């Protein structure tokens, strides 16, 4: 039996960690993986020596992938293979100025959406019925497979102090990084807790540099393409609206949010920096009613916590490869978006 060829089409550094659990399963069964890095916001320095990259779009098309996995919003239609959306995060409740959630925006690029849990599956199923151009399978998120397999990476804490992980989104509308800076600085000078700080890769560089200067025995600024070890190490997260908070919650650990507009009962939200310390202390106490709310939420958002989401994604993808796009309508031509991608990639062949 000939090997199947799977392309990983990425444009952000965090995509490496999203797709590597999937790569592990693909290679273990003897099939092939290639990476295509699109744009200047993804760095090849994060590629491992054992990982193979396709350098040009021409080379990628000649390789003739059976499927293309995308932890992003768009992928060119002129790359061969079924197009599979595996998402770059969860729907954290952020909406644009018109009240629309970008998480459920259909851009006519994908044949299959591999959803994370009922909370995302149901809206995508309604959209699939409306558009008729793609399938939806609830698989769980491959990114989280190592999170549910503790033997894969054992975190050794530096000391016995509670660890607070501070993460923030990059959008000025939603980010709390600037607002809470002085409070985090103050709290990090107190040795009762140890702080880890990790921001979205698109975070304003001036803010990044401010936090880097806080580095001391109690606070470490971490730049990484894989946030999972930080999630495992921390006891409580401080965040705003970044979807990474959902990944943290799935461990059954509390999250303190600042100025989060969702009013969700599974979060400890504060709107005044004066309340941050008290909220963190409350979270560290792990109140049973809060943990119950977290568990109820996690069941809706990502019920599969067996560490086998990668296998389910591959099964759904292979079904599409083997049986074709039976029952699906042809996608709209999407002329403007495809012309834009051709221009970005410098590819004009038919």
C-alpha atoms as a PDB file:
ATOM      1  CA  UNK A   1       0.000   0.000   0.000  1.00  0.00           C
ATOM      2  CA  UNK A   2       1.401   3.395  -0.996  1.00  0.00           C
ATOM      3  CA  UNK A   3       2.097   5.978   1.674  1.00  0.00           C
ATOM      4  CA  UNK A   4      -0.268   8.878   2.233  1.00  0.00           C
ATOM      5  CA  UNK A   5       1.202  12.380   2.023  1.00  0.00           C
ATOM      6  CA  UNK A   6       0.073  15.061   4.493  1.00  0.00           C
ATOM      7  CA  UNK A   7       0.973  18.743   4.182  1.00  0.00           C
ATOM      8  CA  UNK A   8       1.124  21.067   7.195  1.00  0.00           C
ATOM      9  CA  UNK A   9       0.410  24.597   5.948  1.00  0.00           C
ATOM     10  CA  UNK A  10       1.338  27.083   8.680  1.00  0.00           C
ATOM     11  CA  UNK A  11       1.758  30.853   9.070  1.00  0.00           C
ATOM     12  CA  UNK A  12       2.411  31.295  12.829  1.00  0.00           C
ATOM     13  CA  UNK A  13       5.038  29.859  15.170  1.00  0.00           C
ATOM     14  CA  UNK A  14       2.423  28.436  17.528  1.00  0.00           C
ATOM     15  CA  UNK A  15       1.281  26.170  14.693  1.00  0.00           C
ATOM     16  CA  UNK A  16       4.239  23.859  15.241  1.00  0.00           C
ATOM     17  CA  UNK A  17       2.916  22.718  18.607  1.00  0.00           C
ATOM     18  CA  UNK A  18      -0.624  22.495  17.223  1.00  0.00           C
ATOM     19  CA  UNK A  19       0.325  19.993  14.518  1.00  0.00           C
ATOM     20  CA  UNK A  20       3.176  17.982  16.033  1.00  0.00           C
ATOM     21  CA  UNK A  21       0.901  15.512  17.883  1.00  0.00           C
ATOM     22  CA  UNK A  22      -0.728  14.806  14.514  1.00  0.00           C
ATOM     23  CA  UNK A  23       2.687  14.420  12.875  1.00  0.00           C
ATOM     24  CA  UNK A  24       3.707  11.884  15.540  1.00  0.00           C
ATOM     25  CA  UNK A  25       0.772   9.604  14.680  1.00  0.00           C
ATOM     26  CA  UNK A  26       1.235   9.998  10.921  1.00  0.00           C
ATOM     27  CA  UNK A  27       4.919   9.081  11.012  1.00  0.00           C
ATOM     28  CA  UNK A  28       4.336   6.200  13.440  1.00  0.00           C
ATOM     29  CA  UNK A  29       2.064   4.511  10.937  1.00  0.00           C
ATOM     30  CA  UNK A  30       4.584   4.983   8.106  1.00  0.00           C
ATOM     31  CA  UNK A  31       3.048   7.867   6.159  1.00  0.00           C
ATOM     32  CA  UNK A  32       4.725  11.152   5.164  1.00  0.00           C
ATOM     33  CA  UNK A  33       4.596  14.741   6.433  1.00  0.00           C
ATOM     34  CA  UNK A  34       5.927  17.943   4.888  1.00  0.00           C
ATOM     35  CA  UNK A  35       5.755  21.492   6.264  1.00  0.00           C
ATOM     36  CA  UNK A  36       5.080  24.597   4.179  1.00  0.00           C
ATOM     37  CA  UNK A  37       5.820  27.886   5.960  1.00  0.00           C
ATOM     38  CA  UNK A  38       3.794  30.792   4.594  1.00  0.00           C
ATOM     39  CA  UNK A  39       4.646  34.432   5.334  1.00  0.00           C
ATOM     40  CA  UNK A  40       7.111  36.254   7.557  1.00  0.00           C
ATOM     41  CA  UNK A  41       5.401  35.564  10.897  1.00  0.00           C
ATOM     42  CA  UNK A  42       6.545  31.944  11.044  1.00  0.00           C
ATOM     43  CA  UNK A  43      10.224  31.079  11.625  1.00  0.00           C
ATOM     44  CA  UNK A  44      12.024  28.014  10.329  1.00  0.00           C
ATOM     45  CA  UNK A  45      14.255  28.013  13.436  1.00  0.00           C
ATOM     46  CA  UNK A  46      11.461  26.125  15.211  1.00  0.00           C
ATOM     47  CA  UNK A  47      11.612  23.260  12.701  1.00  0.00           C
ATOM     48  CA  UNK A  48      13.337  20.191  14.123  1.00  0.00           C
ATOM     49  CA  UNK A  49      16.192  18.545  12.230  1.00  0.00           C
ATOM     50  CA  UNK A  50      13.964  15.520  11.604  1.00  0.00           C
ATOM     51  CA  UNK A  51      11.129  17.592  10.094  1.00  0.00           C
ATOM     52  CA  UNK A  52      10.988  18.110   6.349  1.00  0.00           C
ATOM     53  CA  UNK A  53      10.050  21.393   4.722  1.00  0.00           C
ATOM     54  CA  UNK A  54       8.880  22.234   1.200  1.00  0.00           C
ATOM     55  CA  UNK A  55      10.492  25.546   0.261  1.00  0.00           C
ATOM     56  CA  UNK A  56       8.363  26.718  -2.666  1.00  0.00           C
ATOM     57  CA  UNK A  57       4.732  26.509  -3.667  1.00  0.00           C
ATOM     58  CA  UNK A  58       5.805  24.805  -6.925  1.00  0.00           C
ATOM     59  CA  UNK A  59       7.595  22.102  -4.956  1.00  0.00           C
ATOM     60  CA  UNK A  60       4.548  21.731  -2.721  1.00  0.00           C
ATOM     61  CA  UNK A  61       2.201  21.211  -5.662  1.00  0.00           C
ATOM     62  CA  UNK A  62       4.578  18.693  -7.270  1.00  0.00           C
ATOM     63  CA  UNK A  63       4.578  16.717  -4.000  1.00  0.00           C
ATOM     64  CA  UNK A  64       0.816  16.171  -4.490  1.00  0.00           C
ATOM     65  CA  UNK A  65      -0.383  15.943  -0.872  1.00  0.00           C
ATOM     66  CA  UNK A  66      -3.457  13.847  -0.190  1.00  0.00           C
ATOM     67  CA  UNK A  67      -4.532  16.260   2.559  1.00  0.00           C
ATOM     68  CA  UNK A  68      -3.579  19.714   3.828  1.00  0.00           C
ATOM     69  CA  UNK A  69      -3.902  20.485   7.553  1.00  0.00           C
ATOM     70  CA  UNK A  70      -4.348  24.158   8.411  1.00  0.00           C
ATOM     71  CA  UNK A  71      -4.343  25.672  11.928  1.00  0.00           C
ATOM     72  CA  UNK A  72      -5.468  28.964  10.417  1.00  0.00           C
ATOM     73  CA  UNK A  73      -8.251  30.611   8.462  1.00  0.00           C
ATOM     74  CA  UNK A  74      -7.288  30.251   4.798  1.00  0.00           C
ATOM     75  CA  UNK A  75      -5.453  27.931   2.417  1.00  0.00           C
ATOM     76  CA  UNK A  76      -4.998  28.205  -1.367  1.00  0.00           C
ATOM     77  CA  UNK A  77      -7.366  26.083  -3.431  1.00  0.00           C
ATOM     78  CA  UNK A  78      -4.616  25.396  -5.985  1.00  0.00           C
ATOM     79  CA  UNK A  79      -2.669  23.205  -3.546  1.00  0.00           C
ATOM     80  CA  UNK A  80      -3.796  19.581  -4.116  1.00  0.00           C
ATOM     81  CA  UNK A  81      -5.505  17.502  -1.454  1.00  0.00           C
ATOM     82  CA  UNK A  82      -8.510  17.775   0.818  1.00  0.00           C
ATOM     83  CA  UNK A  83      -8.305  20.871   3.014  1.00  0.00           C
ATOM     84  CA  UNK A  84      -8.748  20.257   6.736  1.00  0.00           C
ATOM     85  CA  UNK A  85      -9.295  22.998   9.338  1.00  0.00           C
ATOM     86  CA  UNK A  86      -7.859  22.055  12.733  1.00  0.00           C
ATOM     87  CA  UNK A  87      -8.096  25.535  14.311  1.00  0.00           C
ATOM     88  CA  UNK A  88      -5.468  27.689  16.004  1.00  0.00           C
ATOM     89  CA  UNK A  89      -7.432  27.993  19.246  1.00  0.00           C
ATOM     90  CA  UNK A  90     -10.838  27.929  20.892  1.00  0.00           C
ATOM     91  CA  UNK A  91     -13.694  30.394  20.579  1.00  0.00           C
ATOM     92  CA  UNK A  92     -13.012  32.613  23.586  1.00  0.00           C
ATOM     93  CA  UNK A  93     -16.101  34.769  23.065  1.00  0.00           C
ATOM     94  CA  UNK A  94     -14.404  37.676  21.294  1.00  0.00           C
ATOM     95  CA  UNK A  95     -16.546  39.478  18.725  1.00  0.00           C
ATOM     96  CA  UNK A  96     -15.848  42.262  16.263  1.00  0.00           C
ATOM     97  CA  UNK A  97     -17.423  45.731  16.296  1.00  0.00           C
ATOM     98  CA  UNK A  98     -20.500  44.295  14.560  1.00  0.00           C
ATOM     99  CA  UNK A  99     -20.941  41.574  17.169  1.00  0.00           C
ATOM    100  CA  UNK A 100     -19.697  38.736  14.926  1.00  0.00           C
ATOM    101  CA  UNK A 101     -17.466  35.862  16.062  1.00  0.00           C
ATOM    102  CA  UNK A 102     -14.541  35.276  13.722  1.00  0.00           C
ATOM    103  CA  UNK A 103     -14.355  31.669  14.903  1.00  0.00           C
ATOM    104  CA  UNK A 104     -17.393  30.713  12.806  1.00  0.00           C
ATOM    105  CA  UNK A 105     -16.583  32.714   9.684  1.00  0.00           C
ATOM    106  CA  UNK A 106     -16.788  30.459   6.599  1.00  0.00           C
ATOM    107  CA  UNK A 107     -14.220  31.493   3.983  1.00  0.00           C
ATOM    108  CA  UNK A 108     -14.943  28.707   1.450  1.00  0.00           C
ATOM    109  CA  UNK A 109     -11.484  27.169   1.855  1.00  0.00           C
ATOM    110  CA  UNK A 110     -12.085  23.879   3.683  1.00  0.00           C
ATOM    111  CA  UNK A 111     -13.571  20.468   2.945  1.00  0.00           C
ATOM    112  CA  UNK A 112     -13.535  19.333   6.572  1.00  0.00           C
ATOM    113  CA  UNK A 113     -13.736  21.044   9.945  1.00  0.00           C
ATOM    114  CA  UNK A 114     -12.417  18.930  12.828  1.00  0.00           C
ATOM    115  CA  UNK A 115     -14.177  20.478  15.790  1.00  0.00           C
ATOM    116  CA  UNK A 116     -13.158  20.395  19.442  1.00  0.00           C
ATOM    117  CA  UNK A 117     -16.438  19.743  21.275  1.00  0.00           C
ATOM    118  CA  UNK A 118     -20.229  20.304  21.223  1.00  0.00           C
ATOM    119  CA  UNK A 119     -19.840  24.053  21.780  1.00  0.00           C
ATOM    120  CA  UNK A 120     -18.126  24.398  18.374  1.00  0.00           C
ATOM    121  CA  UNK A 121     -19.575  21.345  16.611  1.00  0.00           C
ATOM    122  CA  UNK A 122     -23.206  22.458  16.690  1.00  0.00           C
ATOM    123  CA  UNK A 123     -22.655  25.898  15.093  1.00  0.00           C
ATOM    124  CA  UNK A 124     -20.419  24.368  12.406  1.00  0.00           C
ATOM    125  CA  UNK A 125     -22.973  21.651  11.683  1.00  0.00           C
ATOM    126  CA  UNK A 126     -25.623  24.342  11.138  1.00  0.00           C
ATOM    127  CA  UNK A 127     -23.215  26.126   8.799  1.00  0.00           C
ATOM    128  CA  UNK A 128     -22.484  22.866   6.965  1.00  0.00           C
ATOM    129  CA  UNK A 129     -26.216  22.384   6.343  1.00  0.00           C
ATOM    130  CA  UNK A 130     -26.474  25.964   5.105  1.00  0.00           C
ATOM    131  CA  UNK A 131     -23.466  25.912   2.759  1.00  0.00           C
ATOM    132  CA  UNK A 132     -23.307  22.238   1.781  1.00  0.00           C
ATOM    133  CA  UNK A 133     -19.619  22.517   0.804  1.00  0.00           C
ATOM    134  CA  UNK A 134     -17.859  20.923   3.776  1.00  0.00           C
ATOM    135  CA  UNK A 135     -18.173  18.227   6.412  1.00  0.00           C
ATOM    136  CA  UNK A 136     -17.916  18.546  10.180  1.00  0.00           C
ATOM    137  CA  UNK A 137     -16.563  15.852  12.503  1.00  0.00           C
ATOM    138  CA  UNK A 138     -16.099  16.293  16.255  1.00  0.00           C
ATOM    139  CA  UNK A 139     -12.620  14.917  16.882  1.00  0.00           C
ATOM    140  CA  UNK A 140     -11.162  16.975  19.704  1.00  0.00           C
ATOM    141  CA  UNK A 141      -8.108  19.197  19.210  1.00  0.00           C
ATOM    142  CA  UNK A 142      -4.819  17.376  18.426  1.00  0.00           C
ATOM    143  CA  UNK A 143      -2.856  20.151  20.109  1.00  0.00           C
ATOM    144  CA  UNK A 144      -4.080  18.996  23.499  1.00  0.00           C
ATOM    145  CA  UNK A 145      -3.107  15.337  23.182  1.00  0.00           C
ATOM    146  CA  UNK A 146       0.138  15.828  25.171  1.00  0.00           C
ATOM    147  CA  UNK A 147      -1.799  17.715  27.849  1.00  0.00           C
ATOM    148  CA  UNK A 148      -3.782  14.566  28.601  1.00  0.00           C
ATOM    149  CA  UNK A 149      -0.781  12.263  28.500  1.00  0.00           C
ATOM    150  CA  UNK A 150       1.220  13.324  31.569  1.00  0.00           C
ATOM    151  CA  UNK A 151       3.919  10.726  30.977  1.00  0.00           C
ATOM    152  CA  UNK A 152       4.971  12.541  27.792  1.00  0.00           C
ATOM    153  CA  UNK A 153       6.512  15.468  29.678  1.00  0.00           C
ATOM    154  CA  UNK A 154       7.121  15.647  33.395  1.00  0.00           C
ATOM    155  CA  UNK A 155       7.307  19.202  34.729  1.00  0.00           C
ATOM    156  CA  UNK A 156       9.706  19.706  37.621  1.00  0.00           C
ATOM    157  CA  UNK A 157       8.936  22.884  39.541  1.00  0.00           C
ATOM    158  CA  UNK A 158      11.835  25.062  40.654  1.00  0.00           C
ATOM    159  CA  UNK A 159      10.452  25.309  44.200  1.00  0.00           C
ATOM    160  CA  UNK A 160       7.298  24.783  46.244  1.00  0.00           C
ATOM    161  CA  UNK A 161       5.741  28.204  45.619  1.00  0.00           C
ATOM    162  CA  UNK A 162       2.460  28.451  43.685  1.00  0.00           C
ATOM    163  CA  UNK A 163       3.043  29.326  40.030  1.00  0.00           C
ATOM    164  CA  UNK A 164       0.971  32.032  38.297  1.00  0.00           C
ATOM    165  CA  UNK A 165       0.974  32.006  34.494  1.00  0.00           C
ATOM    166  CA  UNK A 166       0.088  35.363  32.911  1.00  0.00           C
ATOM    167  CA  UNK A 167      -1.014  35.215  29.274  1.00  0.00           C
ATOM    168  CA  UNK A 168      -2.545  37.998  27.211  1.00  0.00           C
ATOM    169  CA  UNK A 169      -3.926  38.443  23.728  1.00  0.00           C
ATOM    170  CA  UNK A 170      -2.324  40.933  21.339  1.00  0.00           C
ATOM    171  CA  UNK A 171      -5.410  42.945  20.356  1.00  0.00           C
ATOM    172  CA  UNK A 172      -5.381  46.384  22.060  1.00  0.00           C
ATOM    173  CA  UNK A 173      -9.180  46.131  22.424  1.00  0.00           C
ATOM    174  CA  UNK A 174      -8.940  42.998  24.549  1.00  0.00           C
ATOM    175  CA  UNK A 175      -5.426  42.866  25.999  1.00  0.00           C
ATOM    176  CA  UNK A 176      -4.909  43.636  29.675  1.00  0.00           C
ATOM    177  CA  UNK A 177      -1.095  43.528  29.538  1.00  0.00           C
ATOM    178  CA  UNK A 178      -0.600  47.292  29.627  1.00  0.00           C
ATOM    179  CA  UNK A 179      -3.275  47.910  32.275  1.00  0.00           C
ATOM    180  CA  UNK A 180      -2.065  45.328  34.798  1.00  0.00           C
ATOM    181  CA  UNK A 181       1.665  45.923  34.266  1.00  0.00           C
ATOM    182  CA  UNK A 182       2.265  47.892  37.464  1.00  0.00           C
ATOM    183  CA  UNK A 183       0.284  45.372  39.534  1.00  0.00           C
ATOM    184  CA  UNK A 184       2.137  42.395  38.089  1.00  0.00           C
ATOM    185  CA  UNK A 185       5.416  44.209  38.706  1.00  0.00           C
ATOM    186  CA  UNK A 186       4.432  44.803  42.323  1.00  0.00           C
ATOM    187  CA  UNK A 187       3.243  41.239  42.912  1.00  0.00           C
ATOM    188  CA  UNK A 188       6.325  39.753  41.236  1.00  0.00           C
ATOM    189  CA  UNK A 189       8.543  41.590  43.735  1.00  0.00           C
ATOM    190  CA  UNK A 190       6.868  39.590  46.499  1.00  0.00           C
ATOM    191  CA  UNK A 191       8.345  36.095  46.810  1.00  0.00           C
ATOM    192  CA  UNK A 192       5.088  34.337  47.813  1.00  0.00           C
ATOM    193  CA  UNK A 193       4.392  33.298  44.187  1.00  0.00           C
ATOM    194  CA  UNK A 194       6.470  32.544  41.111  1.00  0.00           C
ATOM    195  CA  UNK A 195       5.337  34.143  37.832  1.00  0.00           C
ATOM    196  CA  UNK A 196       5.575  32.914  34.249  1.00  0.00           C
ATOM    197  CA  UNK A 197       4.674  35.459  31.542  1.00  0.00           C
ATOM    198  CA  UNK A 198       3.896  34.397  27.976  1.00  0.00           C
ATOM    199  CA  UNK A 199       2.226  36.529  25.304  1.00  0.00           C
ATOM    200  CA  UNK A 200       0.664  36.004  21.886  1.00  0.00           C
ATOM    201  CA  UNK A 201       3.399  36.248  19.215  1.00  0.00           C
ATOM    202  CA  UNK A 202       1.700  39.310  17.718  1.00  0.00           C
ATOM    203  CA  UNK A 203       1.876  41.241  20.989  1.00  0.00           C
ATOM    204  CA  UNK A 204       3.166  44.828  20.705  1.00  0.00           C
ATOM    205  CA  UNK A 205       6.949  44.647  21.033  1.00  0.00           C
ATOM    206  CA  UNK A 206       7.101  47.637  23.384  1.00  0.00           C
ATOM    207  CA  UNK A 207       4.886  45.772  25.857  1.00  0.00           C
ATOM    208  CA  UNK A 208       6.971  42.623  25.433  1.00  0.00           C
ATOM    209  CA  UNK A 209      10.161  44.543  26.228  1.00  0.00           C
ATOM    210  CA  UNK A 210       8.574  46.113  29.334  1.00  0.00           C
ATOM    211  CA  UNK A 211       7.737  42.699  30.735  1.00  0.00           C
ATOM    212  CA  UNK A 212      11.107  41.250  29.812  1.00  0.00           C
ATOM    213  CA  UNK A 213      12.711  43.877  32.032  1.00  0.00           C
ATOM    214  CA  UNK A 214      10.702  42.542  34.995  1.00  0.00           C
ATOM    215  CA  UNK A 215      12.640  39.275  34.857  1.00  0.00           C
ATOM    216  CA  UNK A 216      13.836  38.339  38.355  1.00  0.00           C
ATOM    217  CA  UNK A 217      13.958  35.370  40.741  1.00  0.00           C
ATOM    218  CA  UNK A 218      10.163  35.470  40.985  1.00  0.00           C
ATOM    219  CA  UNK A 219       9.231  36.195  37.354  1.00  0.00           C
ATOM    220  CA  UNK A 220      10.304  34.620  34.060  1.00  0.00           C
ATOM    221  CA  UNK A 221       9.285  35.950  30.641  1.00  0.00           C
ATOM    222  CA  UNK A 222       8.983  32.999  28.262  1.00  0.00           C
ATOM    223  CA  UNK A 223       9.043  33.120  24.457  1.00  0.00           C
ATOM    224  CA  UNK A 224       8.113  29.727  23.070  1.00  0.00           C
ATOM    225  CA  UNK A 225       6.345  27.958  20.218  1.00  0.00           C
ATOM    226  CA  UNK A 226       4.820  25.471  22.690  1.00  0.00           C
ATOM    227  CA  UNK A 227       2.776  26.759  25.620  1.00  0.00           C
ATOM    228  CA  UNK A 228       1.734  23.318  26.935  1.00  0.00           C
ATOM    229  CA  UNK A 229       4.642  22.894  29.403  1.00  0.00           C
ATOM    230  CA  UNK A 230       3.750  26.283  30.907  1.00  0.00           C
ATOM    231  CA  UNK A 231       0.109  25.254  31.266  1.00  0.00           C
ATOM    232  CA  UNK A 232       1.183  22.112  33.099  1.00  0.00           C
ATOM    233  CA  UNK A 233       3.556  23.935  35.414  1.00  0.00           C
ATOM    234  CA  UNK A 234       1.209  26.716  36.536  1.00  0.00           C
ATOM    235  CA  UNK A 235      -1.364  26.460  39.317  1.00  0.00           C
ATOM    236  CA  UNK A 236      -3.443  29.500  38.295  1.00  0.00           C
ATOM    237  CA  UNK A 237      -3.641  31.571  35.126  1.00  0.00           C
ATOM    238  CA  UNK A 238      -4.130  35.321  34.854  1.00  0.00           C
ATOM    239  CA  UNK A 239      -5.543  36.246  31.449  1.00  0.00           C
ATOM    240  CA  UNK A 240      -7.980  38.460  29.539  1.00  0.00           C
ATOM    241  CA  UNK A 241      -9.799  37.004  26.527  1.00  0.00           C
ATOM    242  CA  UNK A 242      -7.046  34.906  24.949  1.00  0.00           C
ATOM    243  CA  UNK A 243      -8.287  31.436  24.005  1.00  0.00           C
ATOM    244  CA  UNK A 244      -5.260  29.923  25.755  1.00  0.00           C
ATOM    245  CA  UNK A 245      -7.265  30.303  28.964  1.00  0.00           C
ATOM    246  CA  UNK A 246      -9.558  27.513  27.732  1.00  0.00           C
ATOM    247  CA  UNK A 247      -6.582  25.187  27.325  1.00  0.00           C
ATOM    248  CA  UNK A 248      -5.670  25.944  30.926  1.00  0.00           C
ATOM    249  CA  UNK A 249      -9.208  25.324  32.189  1.00  0.00           C
ATOM    250  CA  UNK A 250      -9.220  21.873  30.584  1.00  0.00           C
ATOM    251  CA  UNK A 251      -6.736  20.800  33.234  1.00  0.00           C
ATOM    252  CA  UNK A 252      -9.323  21.631  35.903  1.00  0.00           C
ATOM    253  CA  UNK A 253      -7.301  24.638  37.050  1.00  0.00           C
ATOM    254  CA  UNK A 254      -8.778  28.095  37.824  1.00  0.00           C
ATOM    255  CA  UNK A 255      -8.341  31.184  35.664  1.00  0.00           C
ATOM    256  CA  UNK A 256      -8.499  34.788  36.863  1.00  0.00           C
ATOM    257  CA  UNK A 257      -9.505  37.136  34.054  1.00  0.00           C
ATOM    258  CA  UNK A 258      -9.236  40.897  33.871  1.00  0.00           C
ATOM    259  CA  UNK A 259     -12.074  42.836  32.249  1.00  0.00           C
ATOM    260  CA  UNK A 260     -13.506  39.777  30.489  1.00  0.00           C
ATOM    261  CA  UNK A 261     -16.941  40.679  29.082  1.00  0.00           C
ATOM    262  CA  UNK A 262     -18.393  37.161  28.892  1.00  0.00           C
ATOM    263  CA  UNK A 263     -19.579  36.917  32.522  1.00  0.00           C
ATOM    264  CA  UNK A 264     -18.893  33.160  32.513  1.00  0.00           C
ATOM    265  CA  UNK A 265     -19.299  31.445  35.928  1.00  0.00           C
ATOM    266  CA  UNK A 266     -16.222  29.241  35.366  1.00  0.00           C
ATOM    267  CA  UNK A 267     -13.945  32.309  35.435  1.00  0.00           C
ATOM    268  CA  UNK A 268     -12.951  34.574  38.325  1.00  0.00           C
ATOM    269  CA  UNK A 269     -13.245  37.958  36.639  1.00  0.00           C
ATOM    270  CA  UNK A 270     -12.117  41.301  38.042  1.00  0.00           C
ATOM    271  CA  UNK A 271     -12.430  44.752  36.494  1.00  0.00           C
ATOM    272  CA  UNK A 272     -10.122  46.656  38.835  1.00  0.00           C
ATOM    273  CA  UNK A 273      -6.422  45.929  39.280  1.00  0.00           C
ATOM    274  CA  UNK A 274      -6.893  46.349  43.044  1.00  0.00           C
ATOM    275  CA  UNK A 275      -8.849  43.093  43.053  1.00  0.00           C
ATOM    276  CA  UNK A 276      -6.252  40.963  41.262  1.00  0.00           C
ATOM    277  CA  UNK A 277      -4.320  39.771  44.301  1.00  0.00           C
ATOM    278  CA  UNK A 278      -7.472  38.731  46.179  1.00  0.00           C
ATOM    279  CA  UNK A 279      -8.810  36.919  43.096  1.00  0.00           C
ATOM    280  CA  UNK A 280      -5.549  35.008  42.619  1.00  0.00           C
ATOM    281  CA  UNK A 281      -5.565  33.992  46.287  1.00  0.00           C
ATOM    282  CA  UNK A 282      -9.159  32.818  45.880  1.00  0.00           C
ATOM    283  CA  UNK A 283      -8.211  30.788  42.769  1.00  0.00           C
ATOM    284  CA  UNK A 284      -5.282  29.170  44.573  1.00  0.00           C
ATOM    285  CA  UNK A 285      -7.776  28.042  47.220  1.00  0.00           C
ATOM    286  CA  UNK A 286      -9.564  26.022  44.486  1.00  0.00           C
ATOM    287  CA  UNK A 287     -13.139  26.630  45.733  1.00  0.00           C
ATOM    288  CA  UNK A 288     -15.292  23.533  44.974  1.00  0.00           C
ATOM    289  CA  UNK A 289     -18.139  25.520  43.385  1.00  0.00           C
ATOM    290  CA  UNK A 290     -15.688  27.100  40.917  1.00  0.00           C
ATOM    291  CA  UNK A 291     -14.139  23.718  40.064  1.00  0.00           C
ATOM    292  CA  UNK A 292     -17.634  22.328  39.408  1.00  0.00           C
ATOM    293  CA  UNK A 293     -18.348  25.173  36.978  1.00  0.00           C
ATOM    294  CA  UNK A 294     -15.012  24.550  35.237  1.00  0.00           C
ATOM    295  CA  UNK A 295     -15.841  20.867  34.826  1.00  0.00           C
ATOM    296  CA  UNK A 296     -19.286  21.628  33.357  1.00  0.00           C
ATOM    297  CA  UNK A 297     -17.767  24.082  30.907  1.00  0.00           C
ATOM    298  CA  UNK A 298     -14.980  21.706  29.838  1.00  0.00           C
ATOM    299  CA  UNK A 299     -17.521  18.981  29.070  1.00  0.00           C
ATOM    300  CA  UNK A 300     -19.132  21.317  26.547  1.00  0.00           C
ATOM    301  CA  UNK A 301     -15.943  22.702  25.049  1.00  0.00           C
ATOM    302  CA  UNK A 302     -13.719  19.582  24.779  1.00  0.00           C
ATOM    303  CA  UNK A 303     -15.168  16.362  26.275  1.00  0.00           C
ATOM    304  CA  UNK A 304     -12.499  14.085  24.763  1.00  0.00           C
ATOM    305  CA  UNK A 305      -9.628  14.079  27.225  1.00  0.00           C
ATOM    306  CA  UNK A 306      -8.109  10.740  26.271  1.00  0.00           C
ATOM    307  CA  UNK A 307      -5.183  12.216  24.312  1.00  0.00           C
ATOM    308  CA  UNK A 308      -6.351  10.534  21.090  1.00  0.00           C
ATOM    309  CA  UNK A 309      -7.742  13.491  19.117  1.00  0.00           C
ATOM    310  CA  UNK A 310      -4.977  13.149  16.501  1.00  0.00           C
ATOM    311  CA  UNK A 311      -6.158   9.634  15.659  1.00  0.00           C
ATOM    312  CA  UNK A 312      -9.730  10.865  15.234  1.00  0.00           C
ATOM    313  CA  UNK A 313      -8.636  13.748  12.992  1.00  0.00           C
ATOM    314  CA  UNK A 314      -6.704  11.340  10.780  1.00  0.00           C
ATOM    315  CA  UNK A 315      -9.622   8.903  10.612  1.00  0.00           C
ATOM    316  CA  UNK A 316     -11.998  11.680   9.496  1.00  0.00           C
ATOM    317  CA  UNK A 317      -9.440  12.969   6.978  1.00  0.00           C
ATOM    318  CA  UNK A 318      -8.696   9.534   5.544  1.00  0.00           C
ATOM    319  CA  UNK A 319     -12.405   8.897   5.096  1.00  0.00           C
ATOM    320  CA  UNK A 320     -12.552  12.024   2.930  1.00  0.00           C
ATOM    321  CA  UNK A 321      -9.407  11.022   1.006  1.00  0.00           C
ATOM    322  CA  UNK A 322     -10.639   7.483   0.368  1.00  0.00           C
ATOM    323  CA  UNK A 323     -14.255   8.290  -0.483  1.00  0.00           C
ATOM    324  CA  UNK A 324     -13.914  11.720  -2.080  1.00  0.00           C
ATOM    325  CA  UNK A 325     -16.138  14.729  -1.531  1.00  0.00           C
ATOM    326  CA  UNK A 326     -19.299  12.688  -1.960  1.00  0.00           C
ATOM    327  CA  UNK A 327     -22.452  14.634  -1.148  1.00  0.00           C
ATOM    328  CA  UNK A 328     -20.736  18.024  -1.037  1.00  0.00           C
ATOM    329  CA  UNK A 329     -21.514  20.935  -3.325  1.00  0.00           C
ATOM    330  CA  UNK A 330     -18.759  22.625  -5.278  1.00  0.00           C
ATOM    331  CA  UNK A 331     -17.280  25.576  -3.389  1.00  0.00           C
ATOM    332  CA  UNK A 332     -17.744  29.139  -4.647  1.00  0.00           C
ATOM    333  CA  UNK A 333     -14.869  30.236  -6.898  1.00  0.00           C
ATOM    334  CA  UNK A 334     -13.607  32.598  -4.214  1.00  0.00           C
ATOM    335  CA  UNK A 335     -11.828  34.559  -6.936  1.00  0.00           C
ATOM    336  CA  UNK A 336     -10.633  37.558  -4.916  1.00  0.00           C
ATOM    337  CA  UNK A 337      -9.213  35.491  -2.034  1.00  0.00           C
ATOM    338  CA  UNK A 338      -7.454  33.048  -4.380  1.00  0.00           C
ATOM    339  CA  UNK A 339      -5.980  35.894  -6.447  1.00  0.00           C
ATOM    340  CA  UNK A 340      -4.720  37.462  -3.222  1.00  0.00           C
ATOM    341  CA  UNK A 341      -3.085  34.184  -2.164  1.00  0.00           C
ATOM    342  CA  UNK A 342      -1.562  33.709  -5.617  1.00  0.00           C
ATOM    343  CA  UNK A 343      -0.037  37.183  -5.344  1.00  0.00           C
ATOM    344  CA  UNK A 344       1.334  36.500  -1.847  1.00  0.00           C
ATOM    345  CA  UNK A 345       2.830  33.189  -2.957  1.00  0.00           C
ATOM    346  CA  UNK A 346       3.896  34.392  -6.404  1.00  0.00           C
ATOM    347  CA  UNK A 347       2.127  31.537  -8.172  1.00  0.00           C
ATOM    348  CA  UNK A 348       0.170  32.161 -11.379  1.00  0.00           C
ATOM    349  CA  UNK A 349       0.023  28.744 -13.077  1.00  0.00           C
ATOM    350  CA  UNK A 350      -3.369  27.183 -13.672  1.00  0.00           C
END
